[in-house]
Amino acid sequence: MSTEEKTTDEYIVDFIKAFKTVEDEMEPYKEHKRDLKKNYVDNGWLSKDELRFAIKAYRMLKSDESFEHFSEIYDKISKSIGS
């Protein structure tokens, strides 16, 4: 009994099929996320900018980034750019 190796093209097709399945499964969650943000803006609880900053803060915390280090770099860049 011999096992045939798949070609690169076959692996690409397999990957695309699996990727599409994952994308399709994620769509309801993406829609829910969009609805959640819209709800907060529509109800006047947060502005779009406040939401954007809250999401950035969440992502920084999630990735365990140092706010102090980020703040230092931001200050240096904003001074050098002159904004």
C-alpha atoms as a PDB file:
ATOM      1  CA  MET A   1       0.000   0.000   0.000  1.00  0.00           C
ATOM      2  CA  SER A   2       1.633   3.258  -1.109  1.00  0.00           C
ATOM      3  CA  THR A   3       0.665   6.720  -0.071  1.00  0.00           C
ATOM      4  CA  GLU A   4       0.832   9.396  -2.700  1.00  0.00           C
ATOM      5  CA  GLU A   5       2.208  12.789  -1.777  1.00  0.00           C
ATOM      6  CA  LYS A   6      -0.033  15.729  -2.478  1.00  0.00           C
ATOM      7  CA  THR A   7       1.142  18.403  -4.867  1.00  0.00           C
ATOM      8  CA  THR A   8       1.540  22.014  -3.824  1.00  0.00           C
ATOM      9  CA  ASP A   9      -1.562  22.881  -5.824  1.00  0.00           C
ATOM     10  CA  GLU A  10      -3.574  20.274  -3.912  1.00  0.00           C
ATOM     11  CA  TYR A  11      -2.329  21.663  -0.595  1.00  0.00           C
ATOM     12  CA  ILE A  12      -3.312  25.166  -1.755  1.00  0.00           C
ATOM     13  CA  VAL A  13      -6.827  23.968  -2.613  1.00  0.00           C
ATOM     14  CA  ASP A  14      -7.106  22.192   0.764  1.00  0.00           C
ATOM     15  CA  PHE A  15      -5.911  25.317   2.558  1.00  0.00           C
ATOM     16  CA  ILE A  16      -8.361  27.588   0.728  1.00  0.00           C
ATOM     17  CA  LYS A  17     -11.264  25.282   1.541  1.00  0.00           C
ATOM     18  CA  ALA A  18     -10.310  25.146   5.228  1.00  0.00           C
ATOM     19  CA  PHE A  19      -9.684  28.909   5.331  1.00  0.00           C
ATOM     20  CA  LYS A  20     -13.087  29.624   3.784  1.00  0.00           C
ATOM     21  CA  THR A  21     -14.743  27.377   6.358  1.00  0.00           C
ATOM     22  CA  VAL A  22     -13.085  29.282   9.194  1.00  0.00           C
ATOM     23  CA  GLU A  23     -13.958  32.646   7.629  1.00  0.00           C
ATOM     24  CA  ASP A  24     -17.594  31.568   7.227  1.00  0.00           C
ATOM     25  CA  GLU A  25     -17.740  30.409  10.850  1.00  0.00           C
ATOM     26  CA  MET A  26     -16.282  33.726  12.054  1.00  0.00           C
ATOM     27  CA  GLU A  27     -18.728  35.954  10.160  1.00  0.00           C
ATOM     28  CA  PRO A  28     -21.536  35.898  12.762  1.00  0.00           C
ATOM     29  CA  TYR A  29     -19.023  36.983  15.410  1.00  0.00           C
ATOM     30  CA  LYS A  30     -17.711  39.782  13.199  1.00  0.00           C
ATOM     31  CA  GLU A  31     -21.283  40.969  12.649  1.00  0.00           C
ATOM     32  CA  HIS A  32     -21.927  40.831  16.394  1.00  0.00           C
ATOM     33  CA  LYS A  33     -18.787  42.924  17.015  1.00  0.00           C
ATOM     34  CA  ARG A  34     -19.941  45.532  14.481  1.00  0.00           C
ATOM     35  CA  ASP A  35     -23.397  45.619  16.080  1.00  0.00           C
ATOM     36  CA  LEU A  36     -21.890  45.993  19.555  1.00  0.00           C
ATOM     37  CA  LYS A  37     -19.812  49.012  18.526  1.00  0.00           C
ATOM     38  CA  LYS A  38     -22.750  50.560  16.647  1.00  0.00           C
ATOM     39  CA  ASN A  39     -24.991  50.091  19.683  1.00  0.00           C
ATOM     40  CA  TYR A  40     -22.559  51.973  21.955  1.00  0.00           C
ATOM     41  CA  VAL A  41     -22.279  54.846  19.477  1.00  0.00           C
ATOM     42  CA  ASP A  42     -26.025  54.985  18.704  1.00  0.00           C
ATOM     43  CA  ASN A  43     -26.895  55.085  22.407  1.00  0.00           C
ATOM     44  CA  GLY A  44     -24.380  57.868  23.002  1.00  0.00           C
ATOM     45  CA  TRP A  45     -22.440  55.831  25.541  1.00  0.00           C
ATOM     46  CA  LEU A  46     -19.133  56.197  23.655  1.00  0.00           C
ATOM     47  CA  SER A  47     -17.969  58.121  20.623  1.00  0.00           C
ATOM     48  CA  LYS A  48     -16.266  56.397  17.716  1.00  0.00           C
ATOM     49  CA  ASP A  49     -12.927  57.812  18.903  1.00  0.00           C
ATOM     50  CA  GLU A  50     -13.515  56.531  22.435  1.00  0.00           C
ATOM     51  CA  LEU A  51     -14.328  53.081  21.053  1.00  0.00           C
ATOM     52  CA  ARG A  52     -11.210  53.133  18.890  1.00  0.00           C
ATOM     53  CA  PHE A  53      -9.014  54.053  21.862  1.00  0.00           C
ATOM     54  CA  ALA A  54     -10.682  51.478  24.103  1.00  0.00           C
ATOM     55  CA  ILE A  55     -10.018  48.766  21.513  1.00  0.00           C
ATOM     56  CA  LYS A  56      -6.383  49.867  21.174  1.00  0.00           C
ATOM     57  CA  ALA A  57      -5.983  49.788  24.961  1.00  0.00           C
ATOM     58  CA  TYR A  58      -7.537  46.319  25.090  1.00  0.00           C
ATOM     59  CA  ARG A  59      -5.173  45.047  22.398  1.00  0.00           C
ATOM     60  CA  MET A  60      -2.169  46.529  24.186  1.00  0.00           C
ATOM     61  CA  LEU A  61      -3.205  44.843  27.428  1.00  0.00           C
ATOM     62  CA  LYS A  62      -3.912  41.572  25.667  1.00  0.00           C
ATOM     63  CA  SER A  63      -0.463  41.524  24.061  1.00  0.00           C
ATOM     64  CA  ASP A  64       1.163  42.583  27.354  1.00  0.00           C
ATOM     65  CA  GLU A  65       2.684  45.710  25.811  1.00  0.00           C
ATOM     66  CA  SER A  66       4.189  48.326  28.075  1.00  0.00           C
ATOM     67  CA  PHE A  67       2.156  51.529  28.091  1.00  0.00           C
ATOM     68  CA  GLU A  68       5.126  53.468  29.455  1.00  0.00           C
ATOM     69  CA  HIS A  69       7.329  52.324  26.585  1.00  0.00           C
ATOM     70  CA  PHE A  70       4.592  53.113  24.075  1.00  0.00           C
ATOM     71  CA  SER A  71       4.096  56.557  25.629  1.00  0.00           C
ATOM     72  CA  GLU A  72       7.816  57.346  25.438  1.00  0.00           C
ATOM     73  CA  ILE A  73       7.996  56.378  21.778  1.00  0.00           C
ATOM     74  CA  TYR A  74       4.785  58.253  20.987  1.00  0.00           C
ATOM     75  CA  ASP A  75       6.133  61.416  22.663  1.00  0.00           C
ATOM     76  CA  LYS A  76       9.426  61.206  20.739  1.00  0.00           C
ATOM     77  CA  ILE A  77       7.673  60.656  17.429  1.00  0.00           C
ATOM     78  CA  SER A  78       5.119  63.410  17.964  1.00  0.00           C
ATOM     79  CA  LYS A  79       7.909  65.891  18.848  1.00  0.00           C
ATOM     80  CA  SER A  80      10.008  64.958  15.834  1.00  0.00           C
ATOM     81  CA  ILE A  81       7.056  65.085  13.439  1.00  0.00           C
ATOM     82  CA  GLY A  82       5.767  68.291  14.977  1.00  0.00           C
ATOM     83  CA  SER A  83       2.096  67.402  15.144  1.00  0.00           C
END
